[in-house]
Amino acid sequence: MANKNIGISVVVPFFNEARNVRLLYQQLKDTLKQIHREHELIFVDDGSTDDTYKVLSEIYDEDDMVEVIRLCRNFGQTAALAAGFEIARGEIAISMDGDLQHDPGEIPKFLEKIEEGFDVVSGWRKERIDSFWTRRLPSLIANRIIRRLSGINIHDFGTTFKAYRTSVIKNLELFGDMHRYIPVLAARMGASITEIPIKNKPRLYGSSNYGLSRTGRVILDLIALKYLTAFISNPLRLFGLLGLTVFATGFLISAALVLAFFIGKIATIRDHLALLLLSILLMVIGAQFITSGITAEINARIYHKMMDKRSYVVKEMRTRRLKT
């Protein structure tokens, strides 16, 4: 395996999916046999508490094209995907869920779009079978907001089923729940994005590890994304502009009061003490915003120097790539 040119890397995160692992593995193998391209399967156990890792280890012992990563605890889907992407060697990386709700038989459709020249191909669960109130409605709202703020015209940011040129995905910094915003981050790099309809199959075993409770995290990550994509390199532009605006407002109020006093429009500034205090308060707040911007600018520089810091910790990795 170490000397082969890998064309496709399939990255699948698992969390308590012991009953689904082998079924998904077999479906993946059946599909990849028909594609006739060298491939690798990268399975990531995201801190499962059931027999997921045991089953993954058994598959590793049976198949030379399988790599297994075991994380120390449940770091979340984004971190698990990042762990898989880091070791991916294929020209194309495909990510999908480990719960059998994604159909490996649709992988060729993703590859066709990549071969057409797109850098990122996102799945679109056009006909979802999930609960309307707890899954579909929050998803519709979130996707509409993300489309509006990002300018990326795809319908389903949340699905994990996507294909990427590895050269693109390896240059993205993923944290939080940022996997759903990969198209946005990739577009900022100049990557071309498209989407294709995919099936949304029912679960055979287990229950979803995601639900309505994630909505708040998604919103917070969206706010973080907007800041990171717009101001992370120069946060002083955000805080500084806001600070200058507030400071200038306070200064103009003070200047107007002083000018009015000197030209005789008002008898004494003391009669307008509240307005004077407001102007002073605005100038102080403006100065604080500017100071915060400078602090954020320094932190941004530190952040860029720590970009290689991982959002996960590997407990164990089973691989043959270092073996002769």
C-alpha atoms as a PDB file:
ATOM      1  CA  MET A   1       0.000   0.000   0.000  1.00  0.00           C
ATOM      2  CA  ALA A   2       2.820   2.390   0.811  1.00  0.00           C
ATOM      3  CA  ASN A   3       4.107   2.414  -2.800  1.00  0.00           C
ATOM      4  CA  LYS A   4       0.797   2.765  -4.628  1.00  0.00           C
ATOM      5  CA  ASN A   5      -0.516   5.960  -6.148  1.00  0.00           C
ATOM      6  CA  ILE A   6      -3.800   6.497  -4.368  1.00  0.00           C
ATOM      7  CA  GLY A   7      -6.541   8.079  -6.453  1.00  0.00           C
ATOM      8  CA  ILE A   8      -9.370   8.194  -3.915  1.00  0.00           C
ATOM      9  CA  SER A   9      -9.351   8.537  -0.131  1.00  0.00           C
ATOM     10  CA  VAL A  10     -12.671   7.831   1.570  1.00  0.00           C
ATOM     11  CA  VAL A  11     -12.853   9.320   5.072  1.00  0.00           C
ATOM     12  CA  VAL A  12     -15.578   8.084   7.411  1.00  0.00           C
ATOM     13  CA  PRO A  13     -15.964   9.172  11.056  1.00  0.00           C
ATOM     14  CA  PHE A  14     -17.719   6.748  13.403  1.00  0.00           C
ATOM     15  CA  PHE A  15     -19.218   7.298  16.833  1.00  0.00           C
ATOM     16  CA  ASN A  16     -20.932   4.275  18.412  1.00  0.00           C
ATOM     17  CA  GLU A  17     -21.742   2.677  15.055  1.00  0.00           C
ATOM     18  CA  ALA A  18     -20.564  -0.880  15.749  1.00  0.00           C
ATOM     19  CA  ARG A  19     -23.553  -2.488  14.006  1.00  0.00           C
ATOM     20  CA  ASN A  20     -23.193  -0.319  10.916  1.00  0.00           C
ATOM     21  CA  VAL A  21     -19.434  -0.475  10.358  1.00  0.00           C
ATOM     22  CA  ARG A  22     -19.142  -3.748   8.477  1.00  0.00           C
ATOM     23  CA  LEU A  23     -22.239  -3.127   6.370  1.00  0.00           C
ATOM     24  CA  LEU A  24     -20.900   0.244   5.243  1.00  0.00           C
ATOM     25  CA  TYR A  25     -17.454  -1.211   4.609  1.00  0.00           C
ATOM     26  CA  GLN A  26     -18.895  -3.876   2.308  1.00  0.00           C
ATOM     27  CA  GLN A  27     -20.963  -1.313   0.400  1.00  0.00           C
ATOM     28  CA  LEU A  28     -17.877   0.855  -0.052  1.00  0.00           C
ATOM     29  CA  LYS A  29     -15.806  -2.055  -1.349  1.00  0.00           C
ATOM     30  CA  ASP A  30     -18.535  -3.082  -3.806  1.00  0.00           C
ATOM     31  CA  THR A  31     -18.681   0.460  -5.194  1.00  0.00           C
ATOM     32  CA  LEU A  32     -14.940   1.071  -5.345  1.00  0.00           C
ATOM     33  CA  LYS A  33     -14.339  -2.208  -7.192  1.00  0.00           C
ATOM     34  CA  GLN A  34     -16.431  -0.843 -10.058  1.00  0.00           C
ATOM     35  CA  ILE A  35     -14.485   2.434 -10.232  1.00  0.00           C
ATOM     36  CA  HIS A  36     -11.135   0.743 -10.952  1.00  0.00           C
ATOM     37  CA  ARG A  37      -8.980   3.362  -9.233  1.00  0.00           C
ATOM     38  CA  GLU A  38      -6.540   2.814  -6.400  1.00  0.00           C
ATOM     39  CA  HIS A  39      -8.183   3.797  -3.156  1.00  0.00           C
ATOM     40  CA  GLU A  40      -7.823   3.853   0.594  1.00  0.00           C
ATOM     41  CA  LEU A  41     -10.467   3.760   3.307  1.00  0.00           C
ATOM     42  CA  ILE A  42      -9.711   5.934   6.330  1.00  0.00           C
ATOM     43  CA  PHE A  43     -11.982   5.059   9.245  1.00  0.00           C
ATOM     44  CA  VAL A  44     -11.917   7.346  12.286  1.00  0.00           C
ATOM     45  CA  ASP A  45     -13.305   6.176  15.629  1.00  0.00           C
ATOM     46  CA  ASP A  46     -14.371   9.378  17.363  1.00  0.00           C
ATOM     47  CA  GLY A  47     -14.184   8.092  20.946  1.00  0.00           C
ATOM     48  CA  SER A  48     -16.839   5.385  20.654  1.00  0.00           C
ATOM     49  CA  THR A  49     -17.924   3.584  23.812  1.00  0.00           C
ATOM     50  CA  ASP A  50     -19.272   0.492  22.047  1.00  0.00           C
ATOM     51  CA  ASP A  51     -17.427  -2.083  19.898  1.00  0.00           C
ATOM     52  CA  THR A  52     -16.859   0.262  16.958  1.00  0.00           C
ATOM     53  CA  TYR A  53     -13.078   0.226  17.281  1.00  0.00           C
ATOM     54  CA  LYS A  54     -13.022  -3.547  17.690  1.00  0.00           C
ATOM     55  CA  VAL A  55     -14.905  -4.006  14.419  1.00  0.00           C
ATOM     56  CA  LEU A  56     -12.715  -1.444  12.667  1.00  0.00           C
ATOM     57  CA  SER A  57      -9.598  -3.280  13.847  1.00  0.00           C
ATOM     58  CA  GLU A  58     -10.955  -6.552  12.478  1.00  0.00           C
ATOM     59  CA  ILE A  59     -11.540  -4.921   9.096  1.00  0.00           C
ATOM     60  CA  TYR A  60      -8.037  -3.445   9.176  1.00  0.00           C
ATOM     61  CA  ASP A  61      -6.589  -6.937   9.681  1.00  0.00           C
ATOM     62  CA  GLU A  62      -8.560  -8.182   6.660  1.00  0.00           C
ATOM     63  CA  ASP A  63      -7.955  -5.369   4.163  1.00  0.00           C
ATOM     64  CA  ASP A  64      -4.634  -3.745   3.226  1.00  0.00           C
ATOM     65  CA  MET A  65      -6.442  -0.676   1.893  1.00  0.00           C
ATOM     66  CA  VAL A  66      -7.894   0.278   5.282  1.00  0.00           C
ATOM     67  CA  GLU A  67      -6.413   2.762   7.763  1.00  0.00           C
ATOM     68  CA  VAL A  68      -7.894   3.197  11.249  1.00  0.00           C
ATOM     69  CA  ILE A  69      -7.536   6.194  13.549  1.00  0.00           C
ATOM     70  CA  ARG A  70      -8.775   6.080  17.132  1.00  0.00           C
ATOM     71  CA  LEU A  71      -9.243   9.397  18.940  1.00  0.00           C
ATOM     72  CA  CYS A  72      -8.780   9.715  22.708  1.00  0.00           C
ATOM     73  CA  ARG A  73     -12.350  10.892  23.230  1.00  0.00           C
ATOM     74  CA  ASN A  74     -15.345  12.172  21.314  1.00  0.00           C
ATOM     75  CA  PHE A  75     -13.982  15.360  19.718  1.00  0.00           C
ATOM     76  CA  GLY A  76     -16.877  15.769  17.290  1.00  0.00           C
ATOM     77  CA  GLN A  77     -17.437  15.183  13.616  1.00  0.00           C
ATOM     78  CA  THR A  78     -15.306  18.075  12.398  1.00  0.00           C
ATOM     79  CA  ALA A  79     -12.238  16.965  14.358  1.00  0.00           C
ATOM     80  CA  ALA A  80     -12.708  13.352  13.253  1.00  0.00           C
ATOM     81  CA  LEU A  81     -12.879  14.423   9.618  1.00  0.00           C
ATOM     82  CA  ALA A  82      -9.799  16.618  10.071  1.00  0.00           C
ATOM     83  CA  ALA A  83      -7.885  13.627  11.445  1.00  0.00           C
ATOM     84  CA  GLY A  84      -8.794  11.603   8.377  1.00  0.00           C
ATOM     85  CA  PHE A  85      -8.049  14.375   5.893  1.00  0.00           C
ATOM     86  CA  GLU A  86      -4.612  14.885   7.424  1.00  0.00           C
ATOM     87  CA  ILE A  87      -3.400  11.422   6.446  1.00  0.00           C
ATOM     88  CA  ALA A  88      -5.341  11.172   3.167  1.00  0.00           C
ATOM     89  CA  ARG A  89      -3.061  10.494   0.194  1.00  0.00           C
ATOM     90  CA  GLY A  90      -5.562  10.360  -2.637  1.00  0.00           C
ATOM     91  CA  GLU A  91      -5.952  13.074  -5.250  1.00  0.00           C
ATOM     92  CA  ILE A  92      -9.631  13.138  -4.304  1.00  0.00           C
ATOM     93  CA  ALA A  93     -11.041  12.886  -0.775  1.00  0.00           C
ATOM     94  CA  ILE A  94     -14.603  11.763  -0.160  1.00  0.00           C
ATOM     95  CA  SER A  95     -16.247  12.156   3.237  1.00  0.00           C
ATOM     96  CA  MET A  96     -19.450  10.501   4.386  1.00  0.00           C
ATOM     97  CA  ASP A  97     -21.277   9.474   7.545  1.00  0.00           C
ATOM     98  CA  GLY A  98     -20.878   6.059   9.121  1.00  0.00           C
ATOM     99  CA  ASP A  99     -24.579   5.482   9.857  1.00  0.00           C
ATOM    100  CA  LEU A 100     -25.563   4.071   6.415  1.00  0.00           C
ATOM    101  CA  GLN A 101     -27.743   7.090   5.602  1.00  0.00           C
ATOM    102  CA  HIS A 102     -25.369   7.903   2.737  1.00  0.00           C
ATOM    103  CA  ASP A 103     -25.268   5.549  -0.237  1.00  0.00           C
ATOM    104  CA  PRO A 104     -21.705   4.660  -1.332  1.00  0.00           C
ATOM    105  CA  GLY A 105     -23.196   3.798  -4.719  1.00  0.00           C
ATOM    106  CA  GLU A 106     -23.410   7.526  -5.408  1.00  0.00           C
ATOM    107  CA  ILE A 107     -19.650   8.080  -5.132  1.00  0.00           C
ATOM    108  CA  PRO A 108     -19.204   7.854  -8.946  1.00  0.00           C
ATOM    109  CA  LYS A 109     -21.494  10.891  -9.353  1.00  0.00           C
ATOM    110  CA  PHE A 110     -19.207  12.926  -7.106  1.00  0.00           C
ATOM    111  CA  LEU A 111     -16.151  11.800  -9.047  1.00  0.00           C
ATOM    112  CA  GLU A 112     -17.754  12.826 -12.344  1.00  0.00           C
ATOM    113  CA  LYS A 113     -18.169  16.392 -11.084  1.00  0.00           C
ATOM    114  CA  ILE A 114     -14.585  16.507  -9.829  1.00  0.00           C
ATOM    115  CA  GLU A 115     -13.416  15.307 -13.243  1.00  0.00           C
ATOM    116  CA  GLU A 116     -15.468  18.106 -14.834  1.00  0.00           C
ATOM    117  CA  GLY A 117     -13.171  20.517 -13.021  1.00  0.00           C
ATOM    118  CA  PHE A 118     -14.910  21.336  -9.738  1.00  0.00           C
ATOM    119  CA  ASP A 119     -12.849  21.455  -6.551  1.00  0.00           C
ATOM    120  CA  VAL A 120     -15.658  20.729  -4.075  1.00  0.00           C
ATOM    121  CA  VAL A 121     -18.813  18.709  -4.726  1.00  0.00           C
ATOM    122  CA  SER A 122     -21.464  18.867  -2.012  1.00  0.00           C
ATOM    123  CA  GLY A 123     -24.331  16.439  -1.601  1.00  0.00           C
ATOM    124  CA  TRP A 124     -27.892  17.767  -1.434  1.00  0.00           C
ATOM    125  CA  ARG A 125     -30.435  15.745   0.529  1.00  0.00           C
ATOM    126  CA  LYS A 126     -33.212  17.014  -1.702  1.00  0.00           C
ATOM    127  CA  GLU A 127     -35.819  14.648  -0.295  1.00  0.00           C
ATOM    128  CA  ARG A 128     -35.065  14.207   3.400  1.00  0.00           C
ATOM    129  CA  ILE A 129     -36.775  11.599   5.528  1.00  0.00           C
ATOM    130  CA  ASP A 130     -35.880  13.088   8.929  1.00  0.00           C
ATOM    131  CA  SER A 131     -38.314  14.608  11.410  1.00  0.00           C
ATOM    132  CA  PHE A 132     -39.594  17.931  10.071  1.00  0.00           C
ATOM    133  CA  TRP A 133     -39.601  19.873  13.361  1.00  0.00           C
ATOM    134  CA  THR A 134     -36.334  18.657  14.862  1.00  0.00           C
ATOM    135  CA  ARG A 135     -34.194  18.161  11.744  1.00  0.00           C
ATOM    136  CA  ARG A 136     -35.582  19.491   8.478  1.00  0.00           C
ATOM    137  CA  LEU A 137     -36.974  22.836   9.668  1.00  0.00           C
ATOM    138  CA  PRO A 138     -33.806  23.875  11.584  1.00  0.00           C
ATOM    139  CA  SER A 139     -31.771  22.733   8.579  1.00  0.00           C
ATOM    140  CA  LEU A 140     -33.844  24.787   6.131  1.00  0.00           C
ATOM    141  CA  ILE A 141     -33.467  27.902   8.275  1.00  0.00           C
ATOM    142  CA  ALA A 142     -29.741  27.401   8.851  1.00  0.00           C
ATOM    143  CA  ASN A 143     -29.014  26.694   5.185  1.00  0.00           C
ATOM    144  CA  ARG A 144     -30.897  29.795   4.072  1.00  0.00           C
ATOM    145  CA  ILE A 145     -28.976  31.968   6.540  1.00  0.00           C
ATOM    146  CA  ILE A 146     -25.644  30.475   5.492  1.00  0.00           C
ATOM    147  CA  ARG A 147     -26.451  30.995   1.804  1.00  0.00           C
ATOM    148  CA  ARG A 148     -27.369  34.616   2.441  1.00  0.00           C
ATOM    149  CA  LEU A 149     -24.275  35.411   4.512  1.00  0.00           C
ATOM    150  CA  SER A 150     -21.760  33.418   2.499  1.00  0.00           C
ATOM    151  CA  GLY A 151     -22.996  33.975  -1.033  1.00  0.00           C
ATOM    152  CA  ILE A 152     -22.450  30.263  -1.759  1.00  0.00           C
ATOM    153  CA  ASN A 153     -25.502  28.999  -3.614  1.00  0.00           C
ATOM    154  CA  ILE A 154     -25.879  25.424  -2.396  1.00  0.00           C
ATOM    155  CA  HIS A 155     -28.869  23.971  -0.582  1.00  0.00           C
ATOM    156  CA  ASP A 156     -27.380  21.590   1.971  1.00  0.00           C
ATOM    157  CA  PHE A 157     -24.330  22.712   3.927  1.00  0.00           C
ATOM    158  CA  GLY A 158     -24.944  20.195   6.719  1.00  0.00           C
ATOM    159  CA  THR A 159     -24.405  16.902   4.937  1.00  0.00           C
ATOM    160  CA  THR A 160     -21.040  15.217   5.371  1.00  0.00           C
ATOM    161  CA  PHE A 161     -21.288  13.511   1.973  1.00  0.00           C
ATOM    162  CA  LYS A 162     -18.900  15.604  -0.108  1.00  0.00           C
ATOM    163  CA  ALA A 163     -15.958  15.213  -2.459  1.00  0.00           C
ATOM    164  CA  TYR A 164     -12.882  17.428  -2.521  1.00  0.00           C
ATOM    165  CA  ARG A 165      -9.635  17.810  -4.298  1.00  0.00           C
ATOM    166  CA  THR A 166      -7.215  16.871  -1.542  1.00  0.00           C
ATOM    167  CA  SER A 167      -5.066  19.886  -2.362  1.00  0.00           C
ATOM    168  CA  VAL A 168      -8.011  22.052  -1.284  1.00  0.00           C
ATOM    169  CA  ILE A 169      -9.178  20.236   1.840  1.00  0.00           C
ATOM    170  CA  LYS A 170      -5.675  19.943   3.291  1.00  0.00           C
ATOM    171  CA  ASN A 171      -5.309  23.731   3.278  1.00  0.00           C
ATOM    172  CA  LEU A 172      -8.379  24.385   5.423  1.00  0.00           C
ATOM    173  CA  GLU A 173      -8.335  24.831   9.206  1.00  0.00           C
ATOM    174  CA  LEU A 174     -11.275  22.909  10.694  1.00  0.00           C
ATOM    175  CA  PHE A 175     -12.597  23.303  14.247  1.00  0.00           C
ATOM    176  CA  GLY A 176     -15.911  23.465  16.098  1.00  0.00           C
ATOM    177  CA  ASP A 177     -18.638  22.329  13.697  1.00  0.00           C
ATOM    178  CA  MET A 178     -16.873  23.897  10.735  1.00  0.00           C
ATOM    179  CA  HIS A 179     -17.169  20.816   8.501  1.00  0.00           C
ATOM    180  CA  ARG A 180     -20.547  22.124   7.327  1.00  0.00           C
ATOM    181  CA  TYR A 181     -18.861  25.357   6.220  1.00  0.00           C
ATOM    182  CA  ILE A 182     -16.115  23.732   4.166  1.00  0.00           C
ATOM    183  CA  PRO A 183     -17.667  24.997   0.887  1.00  0.00           C
ATOM    184  CA  VAL A 184     -17.563  28.546   2.288  1.00  0.00           C
ATOM    185  CA  LEU A 185     -13.958  28.233   3.440  1.00  0.00           C
ATOM    186  CA  ALA A 186     -12.942  26.606   0.156  1.00  0.00           C
ATOM    187  CA  ALA A 187     -14.633  29.336  -1.871  1.00  0.00           C
ATOM    188  CA  ARG A 188     -12.585  31.921   0.020  1.00  0.00           C
ATOM    189  CA  MET A 189      -9.514  30.164  -1.383  1.00  0.00           C
ATOM    190  CA  GLY A 190     -10.885  30.428  -4.915  1.00  0.00           C
ATOM    191  CA  ALA A 191     -12.179  26.850  -5.154  1.00  0.00           C
ATOM    192  CA  SER A 192     -15.070  26.053  -7.497  1.00  0.00           C
ATOM    193  CA  ILE A 193     -18.159  24.588  -5.802  1.00  0.00           C
ATOM    194  CA  THR A 194     -21.121  22.585  -7.061  1.00  0.00           C
ATOM    195  CA  GLU A 195     -23.735  20.216  -5.632  1.00  0.00           C
ATOM    196  CA  ILE A 196     -25.556  17.055  -6.654  1.00  0.00           C
ATOM    197  CA  PRO A 197     -28.776  15.510  -5.281  1.00  0.00           C
ATOM    198  CA  ILE A 198     -28.188  12.481  -3.059  1.00  0.00           C
ATOM    199  CA  LYS A 199     -30.373   9.917  -1.369  1.00  0.00           C
ATOM    200  CA  ASN A 200     -31.191  10.193   2.319  1.00  0.00           C
ATOM    201  CA  LYS A 201     -31.602   6.636   3.533  1.00  0.00           C
ATOM    202  CA  PRO A 202     -33.176   5.631   6.873  1.00  0.00           C
ATOM    203  CA  ARG A 203     -30.968   4.336   9.656  1.00  0.00           C
ATOM    204  CA  LEU A 204     -30.889   0.583  10.069  1.00  0.00           C
ATOM    205  CA  TYR A 205     -29.301   0.528  13.518  1.00  0.00           C
ATOM    206  CA  GLY A 206     -28.682   2.969  16.326  1.00  0.00           C
ATOM    207  CA  SER A 207     -29.915   6.504  16.763  1.00  0.00           C
ATOM    208  CA  SER A 208     -28.662   9.837  15.490  1.00  0.00           C
ATOM    209  CA  ASN A 209     -25.921  11.500  17.495  1.00  0.00           C
ATOM    210  CA  TYR A 210     -27.090  14.873  16.245  1.00  0.00           C
ATOM    211  CA  GLY A 211     -30.342  16.756  16.765  1.00  0.00           C
ATOM    212  CA  LEU A 212     -32.009  20.031  17.634  1.00  0.00           C
ATOM    213  CA  SER A 213     -29.458  20.715  20.390  1.00  0.00           C
ATOM    214  CA  ARG A 214     -26.754  21.373  17.797  1.00  0.00           C
ATOM    215  CA  THR A 215     -28.614  24.366  16.338  1.00  0.00           C
ATOM    216  CA  GLY A 216     -27.098  26.781  18.859  1.00  0.00           C
ATOM    217  CA  ARG A 217     -23.597  25.538  18.106  1.00  0.00           C
ATOM    218  CA  VAL A 218     -24.230  25.922  14.386  1.00  0.00           C
ATOM    219  CA  ILE A 219     -25.292  29.547  14.854  1.00  0.00           C
ATOM    220  CA  LEU A 220     -22.249  30.336  16.994  1.00  0.00           C
ATOM    221  CA  ASP A 221     -19.952  28.707  14.454  1.00  0.00           C
ATOM    222  CA  LEU A 222     -21.623  30.746  11.728  1.00  0.00           C
ATOM    223  CA  ILE A 223     -20.831  33.940  13.635  1.00  0.00           C
ATOM    224  CA  ALA A 224     -17.263  32.734  14.134  1.00  0.00           C
ATOM    225  CA  LEU A 225     -16.997  31.891  10.441  1.00  0.00           C
ATOM    226  CA  LYS A 226     -18.154  35.357   9.417  1.00  0.00           C
ATOM    227  CA  TYR A 227     -15.511  36.898  11.673  1.00  0.00           C
ATOM    228  CA  LEU A 228     -12.772  34.512  10.579  1.00  0.00           C
ATOM    229  CA  THR A 229     -13.388  34.909   6.862  1.00  0.00           C
ATOM    230  CA  ALA A 230     -13.789  38.680   7.006  1.00  0.00           C
ATOM    231  CA  PHE A 231     -11.512  39.941   9.774  1.00  0.00           C
ATOM    232  CA  ILE A 232      -9.191  37.249  11.158  1.00  0.00           C
ATOM    233  CA  SER A 233      -6.194  38.613   9.244  1.00  0.00           C
ATOM    234  CA  ASN A 234      -6.924  42.227  10.242  1.00  0.00           C
ATOM    235  CA  PRO A 235      -9.346  42.340  13.212  1.00  0.00           C
ATOM    236  CA  LEU A 236      -8.343  45.960  13.818  1.00  0.00           C
ATOM    237  CA  ARG A 237     -10.378  46.827  10.725  1.00  0.00           C
ATOM    238  CA  LEU A 238     -13.539  45.650  12.482  1.00  0.00           C
ATOM    239  CA  PHE A 239     -12.932  46.949  15.995  1.00  0.00           C
ATOM    240  CA  GLY A 240     -10.971  49.963  14.813  1.00  0.00           C
ATOM    241  CA  LEU A 241     -13.657  51.141  12.400  1.00  0.00           C
ATOM    242  CA  LEU A 242     -16.336  50.679  15.032  1.00  0.00           C
ATOM    243  CA  GLY A 243     -14.190  52.430  17.636  1.00  0.00           C
ATOM    244  CA  LEU A 244     -13.395  55.357  15.360  1.00  0.00           C
ATOM    245  CA  THR A 245     -17.081  55.779  14.528  1.00  0.00           C
ATOM    246  CA  VAL A 246     -18.135  55.839  18.181  1.00  0.00           C
ATOM    247  CA  PHE A 247     -15.208  58.057  19.185  1.00  0.00           C
ATOM    248  CA  ALA A 248     -15.886  60.487  16.332  1.00  0.00           C
ATOM    249  CA  THR A 249     -19.552  60.717  17.330  1.00  0.00           C
ATOM    250  CA  GLY A 250     -18.605  61.641  20.890  1.00  0.00           C
ATOM    251  CA  PHE A 251     -15.969  64.103  19.692  1.00  0.00           C
ATOM    252  CA  LEU A 252     -18.394  65.843  17.331  1.00  0.00           C
ATOM    253  CA  ILE A 253     -20.961  66.223  20.111  1.00  0.00           C
ATOM    254  CA  SER A 254     -18.327  67.798  22.380  1.00  0.00           C
ATOM    255  CA  ALA A 255     -17.053  70.031  19.585  1.00  0.00           C
ATOM    256  CA  ALA A 256     -20.583  71.154  18.776  1.00  0.00           C
ATOM    257  CA  LEU A 257     -21.199  72.090  22.421  1.00  0.00           C
ATOM    258  CA  VAL A 258     -17.951  74.075  22.641  1.00  0.00           C
ATOM    259  CA  LEU A 259     -18.617  75.814  19.327  1.00  0.00           C
ATOM    260  CA  ALA A 260     -22.175  76.673  20.356  1.00  0.00           C
ATOM    261  CA  PHE A 261     -20.845  78.187  23.588  1.00  0.00           C
ATOM    262  CA  PHE A 262     -18.257  80.367  21.834  1.00  0.00           C
ATOM    263  CA  ILE A 263     -20.678  81.734  19.238  1.00  0.00           C
ATOM    264  CA  GLY A 264     -23.277  82.446  21.881  1.00  0.00           C
ATOM    265  CA  LYS A 265     -25.854  79.835  20.956  1.00  0.00           C
ATOM    266  CA  ILE A 266     -25.823  78.518  24.536  1.00  0.00           C
ATOM    267  CA  ALA A 267     -25.127  80.485  27.711  1.00  0.00           C
ATOM    268  CA  THR A 268     -23.184  77.759  29.505  1.00  0.00           C
ATOM    269  CA  ILE A 269     -22.082  74.209  28.796  1.00  0.00           C
ATOM    270  CA  ARG A 270     -23.225  73.285  32.305  1.00  0.00           C
ATOM    271  CA  ASP A 271     -26.824  73.515  31.082  1.00  0.00           C
ATOM    272  CA  HIS A 272     -26.060  70.665  28.686  1.00  0.00           C
ATOM    273  CA  LEU A 273     -24.091  68.532  31.117  1.00  0.00           C
ATOM    274  CA  ALA A 274     -25.909  65.304  30.182  1.00  0.00           C
ATOM    275  CA  LEU A 275     -25.000  65.742  26.522  1.00  0.00           C
ATOM    276  CA  LEU A 276     -21.399  66.506  27.460  1.00  0.00           C
ATOM    277  CA  LEU A 277     -21.183  63.387  29.613  1.00  0.00           C
ATOM    278  CA  LEU A 278     -22.647  61.345  26.751  1.00  0.00           C
ATOM    279  CA  SER A 279     -19.972  62.652  24.395  1.00  0.00           C
ATOM    280  CA  ILE A 280     -17.220  61.792  26.877  1.00  0.00           C
ATOM    281  CA  LEU A 281     -18.689  58.318  27.377  1.00  0.00           C
ATOM    282  CA  LEU A 282     -18.791  57.722  23.622  1.00  0.00           C
ATOM    283  CA  MET A 283     -15.164  58.764  23.243  1.00  0.00           C
ATOM    284  CA  VAL A 284     -14.106  56.440  26.073  1.00  0.00           C
ATOM    285  CA  ILE A 285     -16.056  53.534  24.558  1.00  0.00           C
ATOM    286  CA  GLY A 286     -14.574  54.287  21.142  1.00  0.00           C
ATOM    287  CA  ALA A 287     -11.078  54.253  22.585  1.00  0.00           C
ATOM    288  CA  GLN A 288     -11.817  50.910  24.241  1.00  0.00           C
ATOM    289  CA  PHE A 289     -12.952  49.429  20.921  1.00  0.00           C
ATOM    290  CA  ILE A 290      -9.737  50.579  19.274  1.00  0.00           C
ATOM    291  CA  THR A 291      -7.703  49.076  22.125  1.00  0.00           C
ATOM    292  CA  SER A 292      -9.646  45.821  21.771  1.00  0.00           C
ATOM    293  CA  GLY A 293      -8.880  45.858  18.056  1.00  0.00           C
ATOM    294  CA  ILE A 294      -5.167  46.178  18.723  1.00  0.00           C
ATOM    295  CA  THR A 295      -5.351  43.299  21.219  1.00  0.00           C
ATOM    296  CA  ALA A 296      -7.280  41.173  18.712  1.00  0.00           C
ATOM    297  CA  GLU A 297      -4.691  42.010  16.057  1.00  0.00           C
ATOM    298  CA  ILE A 298      -1.942  40.674  18.316  1.00  0.00           C
ATOM    299  CA  ASN A 299      -3.996  37.549  19.078  1.00  0.00           C
ATOM    300  CA  ALA A 300      -4.553  37.035  15.352  1.00  0.00           C
ATOM    301  CA  ARG A 301      -0.815  37.016  14.778  1.00  0.00           C
ATOM    302  CA  ILE A 302      -0.435  34.415  17.528  1.00  0.00           C
ATOM    303  CA  TYR A 303      -3.285  32.404  15.994  1.00  0.00           C
ATOM    304  CA  HIS A 304      -1.577  32.283  12.609  1.00  0.00           C
ATOM    305  CA  LYS A 305       1.618  31.022  14.230  1.00  0.00           C
ATOM    306  CA  MET A 306      -0.366  28.229  15.914  1.00  0.00           C
ATOM    307  CA  MET A 307      -2.289  27.180  12.805  1.00  0.00           C
ATOM    308  CA  ASP A 308      -0.748  23.722  12.921  1.00  0.00           C
ATOM    309  CA  LYS A 309      -2.290  22.992  16.321  1.00  0.00           C
ATOM    310  CA  ARG A 310      -4.713  20.082  15.992  1.00  0.00           C
ATOM    311  CA  SER A 311      -8.269  20.038  17.301  1.00  0.00           C
ATOM    312  CA  TYR A 312      -8.024  16.359  18.281  1.00  0.00           C
ATOM    313  CA  VAL A 313      -5.722  13.869  19.988  1.00  0.00           C
ATOM    314  CA  VAL A 314      -5.007  10.474  18.446  1.00  0.00           C
ATOM    315  CA  LYS A 315      -5.020   7.569  20.876  1.00  0.00           C
ATOM    316  CA  GLU A 316      -4.039   4.902  18.395  1.00  0.00           C
ATOM    317  CA  MET A 317      -3.529   4.606  14.656  1.00  0.00           C
ATOM    318  CA  ARG A 318      -3.386   1.376  12.715  1.00  0.00           C
ATOM    319  CA  THR A 319      -1.559   1.867   9.440  1.00  0.00           C
ATOM    320  CA  ARG A 320       0.764  -0.022   7.142  1.00  0.00           C
ATOM    321  CA  ARG A 321       2.278   2.990   5.451  1.00  0.00           C
ATOM    322  CA  LEU A 322       5.415   2.907   7.644  1.00  0.00           C
ATOM    323  CA  LYS A 323       5.910  -0.786   7.109  1.00  0.00           C
ATOM    324  CA  THR A 324       8.051  -2.241   4.354  1.00  0.00           C
END
